[in-house]
Amino acid sequence: MLRSRQLLLAGVVATCLVATACSRLTFVKADASRGASDRVAPEYNLRDEPRDIGAAVARRHAALAEQRLRAGQLDDAEKEAKAAVKADPRSAAGHTLLALVHQQRGRSEAAGSHYAKAAEVAPESGAMLNNYGAWLCANGRAPESLAWFDRALADPRYRSRASAMANAGSCAATAGQFDRVERDLRGALALDPGNLVALAAMAEQQFRVGRYLEARAFSERRLAAAPASAESLLLASRIEDKLGDKAAAARYVQRLEMEFPQARTLPFGETSTP
């Protein structure tokens, strides 16, 4: 199983679109930019019920926080998100925006507390539950995360079930619960054939059990779907090595060294950066 020194929710945090004239908050899925993690990802297509954002002032601050976050103005984004939560402590949107800001700043524990609060104030929202599960898995609590993904999938209104299924399958592997890995990952891919988390995790799973041709197929689909991550290139090289194609393995290693010069290649199972 591939590991990085610290599992990330997403390499590039997505921004959100908040309409000040209504109570709906919609997050756009993260771009799969170079270096993005293939491990777990929060679902950014969120819809908050009117009771969650409550006061109009909280909506306005959340809208401003989104705009500042989109522009990379983290100080202002944090200020506005805090104002949203102050105006309405039950604002799931405000807590999620604060989590995104803290995440970008490397404040993992602070981000986790706000993902947890968003799930607390919106306990039936599949997206909020999925987000908190993703944070748990990315922060060394994979066994605990699985119950949160199951809760997310129990939301009948949850439209992005592939995200929670992919996260569940990936995290089940991390937790050593291999009986549900392929079930969840194949379920995710049936709903979303291009899901990066599911494709990467399926490549790992097939490699783990020695099905190297199947691992190659999923690895190639992952690499074709979006720019490579260091993990995806490392796994691709090791799949080719197992299949006896030393030239292809060497090409992937060369790409890894060129595209991710900061990465150190360790014995299989780990990648790290200085």
C-alpha atoms as a PDB file:
ATOM      1  CA  MET A   1       0.000   0.000   0.000  1.00  0.00           C
ATOM      2  CA  LEU A   2       1.357   3.379  -0.941  1.00  0.00           C
ATOM      3  CA  ARG A   3       1.843   5.849   1.879  1.00  0.00           C
ATOM      4  CA  SER A   4       3.034   9.422   1.926  1.00  0.00           C
ATOM      5  CA  ARG A   5       4.566  10.995   4.981  1.00  0.00           C
ATOM      6  CA  GLN A   6       1.214  12.615   5.636  1.00  0.00           C
ATOM      7  CA  LEU A   7      -1.965  11.613   3.891  1.00  0.00           C
ATOM      8  CA  LEU A   8      -3.697  14.634   2.422  1.00  0.00           C
ATOM      9  CA  LEU A   9      -7.368  15.283   1.833  1.00  0.00           C
ATOM     10  CA  ALA A  10      -6.525  16.971  -1.462  1.00  0.00           C
ATOM     11  CA  GLY A  11      -3.410  18.450  -2.972  1.00  0.00           C
ATOM     12  CA  VAL A  12      -5.269  21.551  -4.071  1.00  0.00           C
ATOM     13  CA  VAL A  13      -8.173  22.655  -1.933  1.00  0.00           C
ATOM     14  CA  ALA A  14     -11.244  23.447  -4.004  1.00  0.00           C
ATOM     15  CA  THR A  15     -13.113  26.662  -3.551  1.00  0.00           C
ATOM     16  CA  CYS A  16     -16.835  26.993  -3.082  1.00  0.00           C
ATOM     17  CA  LEU A  17     -19.615  28.984  -4.638  1.00  0.00           C
ATOM     18  CA  VAL A  18     -21.916  30.683  -2.176  1.00  0.00           C
ATOM     19  CA  ALA A  19     -24.916  32.647  -3.382  1.00  0.00           C
ATOM     20  CA  THR A  20     -25.768  35.451  -1.002  1.00  0.00           C
ATOM     21  CA  ALA A  21     -29.378  35.524  -2.123  1.00  0.00           C
ATOM     22  CA  CYS A  22     -30.137  31.940  -1.088  1.00  0.00           C
ATOM     23  CA  SER A  23     -29.200  29.353   1.486  1.00  0.00           C
ATOM     24  CA  ARG A  24     -27.459  26.923  -0.821  1.00  0.00           C
ATOM     25  CA  LEU A  25     -23.735  26.283  -0.698  1.00  0.00           C
ATOM     26  CA  THR A  26     -22.196  24.353  -3.551  1.00  0.00           C
ATOM     27  CA  PHE A  27     -18.595  23.249  -3.492  1.00  0.00           C
ATOM     28  CA  VAL A  28     -16.773  22.470  -6.700  1.00  0.00           C
ATOM     29  CA  LYS A  29     -14.732  19.274  -6.729  1.00  0.00           C
ATOM     30  CA  ALA A  30     -11.004  19.682  -6.322  1.00  0.00           C
ATOM     31  CA  ASP A  31      -8.933  19.905  -9.471  1.00  0.00           C
ATOM     32  CA  ALA A  32      -6.674  16.893  -9.882  1.00  0.00           C
ATOM     33  CA  SER A  33      -3.594  19.041 -10.317  1.00  0.00           C
ATOM     34  CA  ARG A  34      -0.072  17.758 -10.255  1.00  0.00           C
ATOM     35  CA  GLY A  35       0.883  16.486  -6.873  1.00  0.00           C
ATOM     36  CA  ALA A  36      -2.677  15.924  -5.731  1.00  0.00           C
ATOM     37  CA  SER A  37      -3.156  13.021  -3.390  1.00  0.00           C
ATOM     38  CA  ASP A  38      -4.850   9.888  -4.661  1.00  0.00           C
ATOM     39  CA  ARG A  39      -5.749   8.736  -1.178  1.00  0.00           C
ATOM     40  CA  VAL A  40      -9.011  10.259  -0.020  1.00  0.00           C
ATOM     41  CA  ALA A  41     -10.875  13.360  -1.020  1.00  0.00           C
ATOM     42  CA  PRO A  42     -13.659  15.405   0.498  1.00  0.00           C
ATOM     43  CA  GLU A  43     -16.827  15.839  -1.477  1.00  0.00           C
ATOM     44  CA  TYR A  44     -17.220  19.481  -2.384  1.00  0.00           C
ATOM     45  CA  ASN A  45     -20.666  19.272  -3.956  1.00  0.00           C
ATOM     46  CA  LEU A  46     -22.437  20.276  -0.764  1.00  0.00           C
ATOM     47  CA  ARG A  47     -25.938  21.623  -0.211  1.00  0.00           C
ATOM     48  CA  ASP A  48     -26.780  23.149   3.145  1.00  0.00           C
ATOM     49  CA  GLU A  49     -30.363  23.243   4.317  1.00  0.00           C
ATOM     50  CA  PRO A  50     -31.722  26.702   5.248  1.00  0.00           C
ATOM     51  CA  ARG A  51     -31.578  25.905   8.962  1.00  0.00           C
ATOM     52  CA  ASP A  52     -27.827  25.205   8.708  1.00  0.00           C
ATOM     53  CA  ILE A  53     -26.796  28.611   7.415  1.00  0.00           C
ATOM     54  CA  GLY A  54     -29.539  30.377   9.290  1.00  0.00           C
ATOM     55  CA  ALA A  55     -28.945  34.110   9.440  1.00  0.00           C
ATOM     56  CA  ALA A  56     -28.543  36.167   6.294  1.00  0.00           C
ATOM     57  CA  VAL A  57     -25.422  37.721   7.784  1.00  0.00           C
ATOM     58  CA  ALA A  58     -23.798  34.302   7.996  1.00  0.00           C
ATOM     59  CA  ARG A  59     -24.574  33.710   4.326  1.00  0.00           C
ATOM     60  CA  ARG A  60     -23.001  37.013   3.362  1.00  0.00           C
ATOM     61  CA  HIS A  61     -19.841  36.291   5.344  1.00  0.00           C
ATOM     62  CA  ALA A  62     -19.656  32.782   3.908  1.00  0.00           C
ATOM     63  CA  ALA A  63     -19.936  34.215   0.394  1.00  0.00           C
ATOM     64  CA  LEU A  64     -17.107  36.634   1.091  1.00  0.00           C
ATOM     65  CA  ALA A  65     -15.019  33.868   2.647  1.00  0.00           C
ATOM     66  CA  GLU A  66     -15.473  31.796  -0.511  1.00  0.00           C
ATOM     67  CA  GLN A  67     -14.435  34.676  -2.720  1.00  0.00           C
ATOM     68  CA  ARG A  68     -11.318  35.360  -0.655  1.00  0.00           C
ATOM     69  CA  LEU A  69     -10.426  31.672  -0.582  1.00  0.00           C
ATOM     70  CA  ARG A  70     -10.785  31.455  -4.357  1.00  0.00           C
ATOM     71  CA  ALA A  71      -8.418  34.412  -4.683  1.00  0.00           C
ATOM     72  CA  GLY A  72      -5.885  32.850  -2.320  1.00  0.00           C
ATOM     73  CA  GLN A  73      -6.414  35.567   0.296  1.00  0.00           C
ATOM     74  CA  LEU A  74      -6.310  33.245   3.271  1.00  0.00           C
ATOM     75  CA  ASP A  75      -6.232  35.927   5.983  1.00  0.00           C
ATOM     76  CA  ASP A  76      -9.396  37.530   4.674  1.00  0.00           C
ATOM     77  CA  ALA A  77     -11.030  34.158   3.989  1.00  0.00           C
ATOM     78  CA  GLU A  78     -10.397  33.062   7.562  1.00  0.00           C
ATOM     79  CA  LYS A  79     -11.733  36.350   8.914  1.00  0.00           C
ATOM     80  CA  GLU A  80     -14.964  36.071   6.935  1.00  0.00           C
ATOM     81  CA  ALA A  81     -15.460  32.385   7.738  1.00  0.00           C
ATOM     82  CA  LYS A  82     -15.044  33.128  11.440  1.00  0.00           C
ATOM     83  CA  ALA A  83     -17.579  35.921  11.107  1.00  0.00           C
ATOM     84  CA  ALA A  84     -20.029  33.486   9.497  1.00  0.00           C
ATOM     85  CA  VAL A  85     -19.635  31.035  12.373  1.00  0.00           C
ATOM     86  CA  LYS A  86     -19.958  33.837  14.926  1.00  0.00           C
ATOM     87  CA  ALA A  87     -23.180  35.012  13.308  1.00  0.00           C
ATOM     88  CA  ASP A  88     -24.538  31.484  13.165  1.00  0.00           C
ATOM     89  CA  PRO A  89     -22.647  28.842  15.194  1.00  0.00           C
ATOM     90  CA  ARG A  90     -24.659  26.170  13.385  1.00  0.00           C
ATOM     91  CA  SER A  91     -23.437  27.270   9.968  1.00  0.00           C
ATOM     92  CA  ALA A  92     -22.124  24.100   8.351  1.00  0.00           C
ATOM     93  CA  ALA A  93     -20.916  26.282   5.478  1.00  0.00           C
ATOM     94  CA  GLY A  94     -18.917  28.509   7.811  1.00  0.00           C
ATOM     95  CA  HIS A  95     -17.294  25.550   9.563  1.00  0.00           C
ATOM     96  CA  THR A  96     -16.445  23.886   6.265  1.00  0.00           C
ATOM     97  CA  LEU A  97     -14.873  27.081   4.937  1.00  0.00           C
ATOM     98  CA  LEU A  98     -12.817  27.402   8.113  1.00  0.00           C
ATOM     99  CA  ALA A  99     -11.720  23.791   7.686  1.00  0.00           C
ATOM    100  CA  LEU A 100     -10.619  24.533   4.123  1.00  0.00           C
ATOM    101  CA  VAL A 101      -8.595  27.551   5.240  1.00  0.00           C
ATOM    102  CA  HIS A 102      -6.923  25.622   8.053  1.00  0.00           C
ATOM    103  CA  GLN A 103      -6.225  22.771   5.665  1.00  0.00           C
ATOM    104  CA  GLN A 104      -4.479  25.066   3.204  1.00  0.00           C
ATOM    105  CA  ARG A 105      -2.368  26.419   6.047  1.00  0.00           C
ATOM    106  CA  GLY A 106      -1.354  22.995   7.257  1.00  0.00           C
ATOM    107  CA  ARG A 107      -3.371  23.182  10.454  1.00  0.00           C
ATOM    108  CA  SER A 108      -4.693  19.652  10.296  1.00  0.00           C
ATOM    109  CA  GLU A 109      -6.141  19.430  13.790  1.00  0.00           C
ATOM    110  CA  ALA A 110      -7.950  22.747  13.451  1.00  0.00           C
ATOM    111  CA  ALA A 111      -9.343  21.662  10.089  1.00  0.00           C
ATOM    112  CA  GLY A 112     -10.536  18.412  11.612  1.00  0.00           C
ATOM    113  CA  SER A 113     -12.371  20.164  14.426  1.00  0.00           C
ATOM    114  CA  HIS A 114     -14.357  22.222  11.931  1.00  0.00           C
ATOM    115  CA  TYR A 115     -15.105  19.255   9.656  1.00  0.00           C
ATOM    116  CA  ALA A 116     -16.377  17.510  12.805  1.00  0.00           C
ATOM    117  CA  LYS A 117     -18.503  20.517  13.758  1.00  0.00           C
ATOM    118  CA  ALA A 118     -19.992  20.705  10.261  1.00  0.00           C
ATOM    119  CA  ALA A 119     -20.951  17.030  10.553  1.00  0.00           C
ATOM    120  CA  GLU A 120     -22.396  17.672  13.999  1.00  0.00           C
ATOM    121  CA  VAL A 121     -24.659  20.513  12.912  1.00  0.00           C
ATOM    122  CA  ALA A 122     -25.675  18.702   9.693  1.00  0.00           C
ATOM    123  CA  PRO A 123     -25.783  15.089  10.931  1.00  0.00           C
ATOM    124  CA  GLU A 124     -27.801  13.799   7.993  1.00  0.00           C
ATOM    125  CA  SER A 125     -25.792  15.501   5.250  1.00  0.00           C
ATOM    126  CA  GLY A 126     -23.894  12.890   3.248  1.00  0.00           C
ATOM    127  CA  ALA A 127     -21.388  15.463   2.048  1.00  0.00           C
ATOM    128  CA  MET A 128     -20.561  16.726   5.540  1.00  0.00           C
ATOM    129  CA  LEU A 129     -20.231  13.179   6.880  1.00  0.00           C
ATOM    130  CA  ASN A 130     -18.027  12.188   3.943  1.00  0.00           C
ATOM    131  CA  ASN A 131     -15.774  15.195   4.509  1.00  0.00           C
ATOM    132  CA  TYR A 132     -15.201  14.331   8.146  1.00  0.00           C
ATOM    133  CA  GLY A 133     -14.587  10.688   7.291  1.00  0.00           C
ATOM    134  CA  ALA A 134     -12.010  11.740   4.710  1.00  0.00           C
ATOM    135  CA  TRP A 135     -10.226  13.856   7.306  1.00  0.00           C
ATOM    136  CA  LEU A 136     -10.207  10.989   9.804  1.00  0.00           C
ATOM    137  CA  CYS A 137      -8.743   8.588   7.264  1.00  0.00           C
ATOM    138  CA  ALA A 138      -6.097  11.065   6.154  1.00  0.00           C
ATOM    139  CA  ASN A 139      -5.044  11.614   9.744  1.00  0.00           C
ATOM    140  CA  GLY A 140      -4.356   8.087  10.928  1.00  0.00           C
ATOM    141  CA  ARG A 141      -7.888   7.137  11.952  1.00  0.00           C
ATOM    142  CA  ALA A 142      -8.918   4.961   9.002  1.00  0.00           C
ATOM    143  CA  PRO A 143     -10.894   2.343  11.000  1.00  0.00           C
ATOM    144  CA  GLU A 144     -12.963   5.108  12.593  1.00  0.00           C
ATOM    145  CA  SER A 145     -13.584   6.786   9.245  1.00  0.00           C
ATOM    146  CA  LEU A 146     -15.518   3.867   7.783  1.00  0.00           C
ATOM    147  CA  ALA A 147     -18.578   4.422   9.954  1.00  0.00           C
ATOM    148  CA  TRP A 148     -18.757   8.031   8.740  1.00  0.00           C
ATOM    149  CA  PHE A 149     -18.698   6.956   5.093  1.00  0.00           C
ATOM    150  CA  ASP A 150     -21.457   4.448   5.828  1.00  0.00           C
ATOM    151  CA  ARG A 151     -23.492   7.230   7.413  1.00  0.00           C
ATOM    152  CA  ALA A 152     -22.894   9.420   4.369  1.00  0.00           C
ATOM    153  CA  LEU A 153     -24.152   6.655   2.092  1.00  0.00           C
ATOM    154  CA  ALA A 154     -27.274   6.316   4.226  1.00  0.00           C
ATOM    155  CA  ASP A 155     -28.363   9.826   3.217  1.00  0.00           C
ATOM    156  CA  PRO A 156     -31.028   9.208   0.537  1.00  0.00           C
ATOM    157  CA  ARG A 157     -30.543  12.705  -0.887  1.00  0.00           C
ATOM    158  CA  TYR A 158     -26.789  12.341  -1.271  1.00  0.00           C
ATOM    159  CA  ARG A 159     -26.024  12.712  -4.957  1.00  0.00           C
ATOM    160  CA  SER A 160     -22.270  12.092  -4.905  1.00  0.00           C
ATOM    161  CA  ARG A 161     -22.248   8.566  -3.532  1.00  0.00           C
ATOM    162  CA  ALA A 162     -19.221   7.648  -5.636  1.00  0.00           C
ATOM    163  CA  SER A 163     -17.069   9.967  -3.545  1.00  0.00           C
ATOM    164  CA  ALA A 164     -18.001   8.305  -0.252  1.00  0.00           C
ATOM    165  CA  MET A 165     -17.706   4.822  -1.754  1.00  0.00           C
ATOM    166  CA  ALA A 166     -14.259   5.577  -3.164  1.00  0.00           C
ATOM    167  CA  ASN A 167     -13.102   7.014   0.135  1.00  0.00           C
ATOM    168  CA  ALA A 168     -14.519   4.020   1.997  1.00  0.00           C
ATOM    169  CA  GLY A 169     -12.741   1.525  -0.259  1.00  0.00           C
ATOM    170  CA  SER A 170      -9.434   3.339  -0.049  1.00  0.00           C
ATOM    171  CA  CYS A 171      -9.662   3.734   3.707  1.00  0.00           C
ATOM    172  CA  ALA A 172     -10.778   0.137   4.220  1.00  0.00           C
ATOM    173  CA  ALA A 173      -7.474  -0.913   2.679  1.00  0.00           C
ATOM    174  CA  THR A 174      -5.601   1.408   5.016  1.00  0.00           C
ATOM    175  CA  ALA A 175      -7.574  -0.032   7.940  1.00  0.00           C
ATOM    176  CA  GLY A 176      -6.810  -3.594   6.867  1.00  0.00           C
ATOM    177  CA  GLN A 177     -10.488  -4.386   6.230  1.00  0.00           C
ATOM    178  CA  PHE A 178      -9.846  -5.980   2.866  1.00  0.00           C
ATOM    179  CA  ASP A 179     -13.225  -7.700   2.687  1.00  0.00           C
ATOM    180  CA  ARG A 180     -14.891  -4.421   1.704  1.00  0.00           C
ATOM    181  CA  VAL A 181     -12.150  -2.827  -0.401  1.00  0.00           C
ATOM    182  CA  GLU A 182     -13.132  -4.078  -3.851  1.00  0.00           C
ATOM    183  CA  ARG A 183     -16.860  -3.945  -3.091  1.00  0.00           C
ATOM    184  CA  ASP A 184     -16.711  -0.233  -2.314  1.00  0.00           C
ATOM    185  CA  LEU A 185     -14.227   0.669  -5.028  1.00  0.00           C
ATOM    186  CA  ARG A 186     -16.116  -1.168  -7.754  1.00  0.00           C
ATOM    187  CA  GLY A 187     -19.314   0.446  -6.545  1.00  0.00           C
ATOM    188  CA  ALA A 188     -17.683   3.861  -6.832  1.00  0.00           C
ATOM    189  CA  LEU A 189     -16.407   3.158 -10.340  1.00  0.00           C
ATOM    190  CA  ALA A 190     -19.812   1.901 -11.443  1.00  0.00           C
ATOM    191  CA  LEU A 191     -21.193   5.320 -10.542  1.00  0.00           C
ATOM    192  CA  ASP A 192     -18.169   7.379 -11.629  1.00  0.00           C
ATOM    193  CA  PRO A 193     -15.725   5.532 -13.929  1.00  0.00           C
ATOM    194  CA  GLY A 194     -13.236   8.388 -13.726  1.00  0.00           C
ATOM    195  CA  ASN A 195     -13.069   8.669  -9.936  1.00  0.00           C
ATOM    196  CA  LEU A 196      -9.374   9.214  -9.209  1.00  0.00           C
ATOM    197  CA  VAL A 197      -9.442   7.923  -5.642  1.00  0.00           C
ATOM    198  CA  ALA A 198     -11.158   4.696  -6.707  1.00  0.00           C
ATOM    199  CA  LEU A 199      -8.892   4.135  -9.715  1.00  0.00           C
ATOM    200  CA  ALA A 200      -5.733   4.648  -7.663  1.00  0.00           C
ATOM    201  CA  ALA A 201      -6.969   2.453  -4.830  1.00  0.00           C
ATOM    202  CA  MET A 202      -8.026  -0.309  -7.223  1.00  0.00           C
ATOM    203  CA  ALA A 203      -4.574  -0.264  -8.818  1.00  0.00           C
ATOM    204  CA  GLU A 204      -3.066  -0.643  -5.349  1.00  0.00           C
ATOM    205  CA  GLN A 205      -5.486  -3.409  -4.410  1.00  0.00           C
ATOM    206  CA  GLN A 206      -4.794  -5.435  -7.547  1.00  0.00           C
ATOM    207  CA  PHE A 207      -1.055  -5.002  -7.018  1.00  0.00           C
ATOM    208  CA  ARG A 208      -1.425  -6.083  -3.395  1.00  0.00           C
ATOM    209  CA  VAL A 209      -3.077  -9.366  -4.329  1.00  0.00           C
ATOM    210  CA  GLY A 210      -0.717 -10.069  -7.223  1.00  0.00           C
ATOM    211  CA  ARG A 211      -3.061  -9.343 -10.141  1.00  0.00           C
ATOM    212  CA  TYR A 212      -0.502  -7.291 -11.994  1.00  0.00           C
ATOM    213  CA  LEU A 213      -2.259  -7.072 -15.364  1.00  0.00           C
ATOM    214  CA  GLU A 214      -5.395  -5.781 -13.652  1.00  0.00           C
ATOM    215  CA  ALA A 215      -3.249  -3.405 -11.614  1.00  0.00           C
ATOM    216  CA  ARG A 216      -1.714  -2.072 -14.828  1.00  0.00           C
ATOM    217  CA  ALA A 217      -5.151  -1.475 -16.326  1.00  0.00           C
ATOM    218  CA  PHE A 218      -6.358   0.542 -13.352  1.00  0.00           C
ATOM    219  CA  SER A 219      -3.037   2.389 -13.096  1.00  0.00           C
ATOM    220  CA  GLU A 220      -3.206   3.395 -16.754  1.00  0.00           C
ATOM    221  CA  ARG A 221      -6.792   4.568 -16.315  1.00  0.00           C
ATOM    222  CA  ARG A 222      -5.723   6.659 -13.329  1.00  0.00           C
ATOM    223  CA  LEU A 223      -2.839   8.251 -15.215  1.00  0.00           C
ATOM    224  CA  ALA A 224      -5.034   8.956 -18.235  1.00  0.00           C
ATOM    225  CA  ALA A 225      -7.737  10.570 -16.125  1.00  0.00           C
ATOM    226  CA  ALA A 226      -5.687  13.427 -14.653  1.00  0.00           C
ATOM    227  CA  PRO A 227      -2.110  14.656 -14.154  1.00  0.00           C
ATOM    228  CA  ALA A 228       0.013  12.156 -12.269  1.00  0.00           C
ATOM    229  CA  SER A 229       0.832  12.217  -8.588  1.00  0.00           C
ATOM    230  CA  ALA A 230       4.116  10.922  -7.191  1.00  0.00           C
ATOM    231  CA  GLU A 231       2.260   7.943  -5.720  1.00  0.00           C
ATOM    232  CA  SER A 232       0.622   7.015  -9.026  1.00  0.00           C
ATOM    233  CA  LEU A 233       3.953   7.080 -10.882  1.00  0.00           C
ATOM    234  CA  LEU A 234       5.703   5.054  -8.206  1.00  0.00           C
ATOM    235  CA  LEU A 235       3.011   2.385  -8.281  1.00  0.00           C
ATOM    236  CA  ALA A 236       3.039   2.304 -12.100  1.00  0.00           C
ATOM    237  CA  SER A 237       6.789   1.697 -12.095  1.00  0.00           C
ATOM    238  CA  ARG A 238       6.472  -1.171  -9.652  1.00  0.00           C
ATOM    239  CA  ILE A 239       3.627  -2.765 -11.571  1.00  0.00           C
ATOM    240  CA  GLU A 240       5.753  -2.754 -14.716  1.00  0.00           C
ATOM    241  CA  ASP A 241       8.676  -4.168 -12.791  1.00  0.00           C
ATOM    242  CA  LYS A 242       6.509  -7.092 -11.626  1.00  0.00           C
ATOM    243  CA  LEU A 243       5.338  -7.654 -15.201  1.00  0.00           C
ATOM    244  CA  GLY A 244       8.933  -7.766 -16.382  1.00  0.00           C
ATOM    245  CA  ASP A 245       8.853  -4.602 -18.486  1.00  0.00           C
ATOM    246  CA  LYS A 246      11.987  -2.981 -17.129  1.00  0.00           C
ATOM    247  CA  ALA A 247      12.009  -0.266 -19.793  1.00  0.00           C
ATOM    248  CA  ALA A 248       8.490   0.879 -18.909  1.00  0.00           C
ATOM    249  CA  ALA A 249       9.344   0.771 -15.204  1.00  0.00           C
ATOM    250  CA  ALA A 250      12.390   2.940 -15.867  1.00  0.00           C
ATOM    251  CA  ARG A 251      10.304   5.450 -17.812  1.00  0.00           C
ATOM    252  CA  TYR A 252       7.925   5.882 -14.893  1.00  0.00           C
ATOM    253  CA  VAL A 253      10.847   6.342 -12.510  1.00  0.00           C
ATOM    254  CA  GLN A 254      12.278   8.968 -14.854  1.00  0.00           C
ATOM    255  CA  ARG A 255       8.955  10.780 -14.877  1.00  0.00           C
ATOM    256  CA  LEU A 256       8.806  10.603 -11.098  1.00  0.00           C
ATOM    257  CA  GLU A 257      12.272  12.150 -10.813  1.00  0.00           C
ATOM    258  CA  MET A 258      11.513  14.862 -13.374  1.00  0.00           C
ATOM    259  CA  GLU A 259       8.006  15.815 -12.260  1.00  0.00           C
ATOM    260  CA  PHE A 260       8.524  15.395  -8.521  1.00  0.00           C
ATOM    261  CA  PRO A 261      12.198  16.101  -7.812  1.00  0.00           C
ATOM    262  CA  GLN A 262      11.398  16.620  -4.143  1.00  0.00           C
ATOM    263  CA  ALA A 263      10.129  13.069  -3.763  1.00  0.00           C
ATOM    264  CA  ARG A 264      12.310  10.319  -2.353  1.00  0.00           C
ATOM    265  CA  THR A 265      11.633   6.780  -3.503  1.00  0.00           C
ATOM    266  CA  LEU A 266      11.626   4.283  -0.635  1.00  0.00           C
ATOM    267  CA  PRO A 267      11.102   0.527  -0.518  1.00  0.00           C
ATOM    268  CA  PHE A 268       7.678  -0.318  -1.888  1.00  0.00           C
ATOM    269  CA  GLY A 269       4.892   0.886   0.344  1.00  0.00           C
ATOM    270  CA  GLU A 270       6.221   4.381   0.967  1.00  0.00           C
ATOM    271  CA  THR A 271       6.893   7.637  -0.756  1.00  0.00           C
ATOM    272  CA  SER A 272       8.143  10.678   1.053  1.00  0.00           C
ATOM    273  CA  THR A 273       9.370  14.183   0.549  1.00  0.00           C
ATOM    274  CA  PRO A 274      12.238  15.880   2.374  1.00  0.00           C
END
